[in-house]
Amino acid sequence: MTEFDVPTVEYSLVMPLLVVLGAAMVGVLVEAFAPRDWRYLVQVGVSVLGLLGALAWTVLMAFDLEAIAGGTARAPSRTTSRWCHSSRERSSWTGRPSSSGACCWCSP
């Protein structure tokens, strides 16, 4: 029987999207339950806070990225994420197995 490798989701990398979707869901709840007089003000506040939160998370994540390929690209830091793969796995950038036993930016 073959072994199933469970995929990992880097929630810190998709958090800005999750923040915006969460703000949208709160906006729908405001539309449903807030009084008509308060609805617009509350929805604008929720949407602005959601977008600012997503922007803040994006900026914080940008400081955690390290330069790869001579500075032409950026990838999550090796110490804080699970982007390095063993030689039997495929590189997430190229889709090909790595020849050195690690991804292009993880080589020793």
Protein backbone atom coordinates (compact mmCIF):
# COMPACT_ATOMS: atom_id res chain seq x y z
CA MET A 1 0.00 0.00 0.00
CA THR A 2 1.35 3.43 -0.90
CA GLU A 3 1.93 6.01 1.76
CA PHE A 4 -0.20 9.14 1.57
CA ASP A 5 1.65 12.40 2.17
CA VAL A 6 -0.65 14.91 3.79
CA PRO A 7 -0.26 18.33 2.18
CA THR A 8 0.58 21.24 4.43
CA VAL A 9 -1.08 24.62 4.27
CA GLU A 10 0.98 27.62 5.24
CA TYR A 11 -1.78 29.60 6.93
CA SER A 12 0.54 32.51 7.60
CA LEU A 13 0.97 32.96 3.83
CA VAL A 14 -2.76 32.94 3.07
CA MET A 15 -3.78 34.92 6.16
CA PRO A 16 -4.43 38.20 4.25
CA LEU A 17 -6.99 36.37 2.12
CA LEU A 18 -8.55 34.80 5.21
CA VAL A 19 -8.75 38.20 6.93
CA VAL A 20 -10.57 39.74 3.95
CA LEU A 21 -12.96 36.78 3.72
CA GLY A 22 -13.61 37.00 7.45
CA ALA A 23 -14.38 40.71 7.14
CA ALA A 24 -16.77 39.92 4.29
CA MET A 25 -18.58 37.36 6.43
CA VAL A 26 -18.87 39.86 9.28
CA GLY A 27 -20.22 42.37 6.74
CA VAL A 28 -22.95 39.92 5.74
CA LEU A 29 -23.88 39.43 9.40
CA VAL A 30 -24.01 43.21 9.87
CA GLU A 31 -26.29 43.45 6.84
CA ALA A 32 -28.57 40.85 8.37
CA PHE A 33 -28.74 42.01 11.97
CA ALA A 34 -27.72 45.67 12.30
CA PRO A 35 -30.40 48.36 12.35
CA ARG A 36 -30.77 50.24 9.08
CA ASP A 37 -29.44 53.51 10.55
CA TRP A 38 -26.15 51.88 11.66
CA ARG A 39 -25.65 49.47 8.79
CA TYR A 40 -23.60 51.65 6.45
CA LEU A 41 -21.28 52.99 9.13
CA VAL A 42 -20.62 49.58 10.63
CA GLN A 43 -20.04 47.92 7.25
CA VAL A 44 -17.57 50.61 6.18
CA GLY A 45 -15.73 50.22 9.49
CA VAL A 46 -15.58 46.44 9.20
CA SER A 47 -14.36 46.57 5.60
CA VAL A 48 -11.71 49.21 6.32
CA LEU A 49 -10.46 47.29 9.36
CA GLY A 50 -10.38 44.05 7.37
CA LEU A 51 -8.41 45.60 4.52
CA LEU A 52 -5.99 47.33 6.91
CA GLY A 53 -5.50 44.05 8.78
CA ALA A 54 -4.76 42.21 5.54
CA LEU A 55 -2.33 44.94 4.47
CA ALA A 56 -0.57 44.82 7.85
CA TRP A 57 -0.22 41.03 7.64
CA THR A 58 1.15 41.32 4.09
CA VAL A 59 3.75 43.86 5.20
CA LEU A 60 4.75 41.69 8.17
CA MET A 61 5.12 38.66 5.90
CA ALA A 62 7.27 40.69 3.48
CA PHE A 63 9.86 41.19 6.23
CA ASP A 64 10.03 37.41 6.74
CA LEU A 65 10.85 36.61 3.10
CA GLU A 66 14.41 35.99 2.06
CA ALA A 67 15.95 36.62 -1.35
CA ILE A 68 16.56 33.61 -3.58
CA ALA A 69 18.00 33.19 -7.08
CA GLY A 70 20.36 36.12 -6.72
CA GLY A 71 17.66 38.44 -5.41
CA THR A 72 15.31 38.01 -8.37
CA ALA A 73 12.67 36.27 -6.26
CA ARG A 74 11.60 35.95 -2.64
CA ALA A 75 10.54 32.88 -0.65
CA PRO A 76 9.50 32.27 2.97
CA SER A 77 12.38 32.02 5.40
CA ARG A 78 13.75 28.51 5.90
CA THR A 79 13.62 28.87 9.67
CA THR A 80 9.94 29.76 9.88
CA SER A 81 8.32 27.66 7.19
CA ARG A 82 8.29 24.17 5.72
CA TRP A 83 9.28 24.95 2.17
CA CYS A 84 12.33 22.70 2.05
CA HIS A 85 11.69 19.27 0.56
CA SER A 86 13.51 15.99 0.55
CA SER A 87 14.91 14.60 -2.69
CA ARG A 88 11.94 12.25 -3.20
CA GLU A 89 9.54 15.21 -3.26
CA ARG A 90 9.09 17.61 -6.11
CA SER A 91 10.21 21.19 -5.95
CA SER A 92 7.25 23.53 -5.48
CA TRP A 93 8.85 26.01 -7.90
CA THR A 94 9.78 23.76 -10.81
CA GLY A 95 7.63 20.66 -10.30
CA ARG A 96 10.71 18.51 -10.92
CA PRO A 97 12.57 16.38 -8.38
CA SER A 98 15.55 18.17 -6.94
CA SER A 99 18.94 16.74 -7.88
CA SER A 100 20.78 17.97 -4.80
CA GLY A 101 18.33 16.49 -2.29
CA ALA A 102 16.74 19.84 -1.54
CA CYS A 103 14.95 22.68 -3.31
CA CYS A 104 16.86 25.26 -5.27
CA TRP A 105 17.05 27.68 -2.31
CA CYS A 106 17.52 25.04 0.39
CA SER A 107 20.69 23.46 -0.92
CA PRO A 108 23.35 23.10 1.76
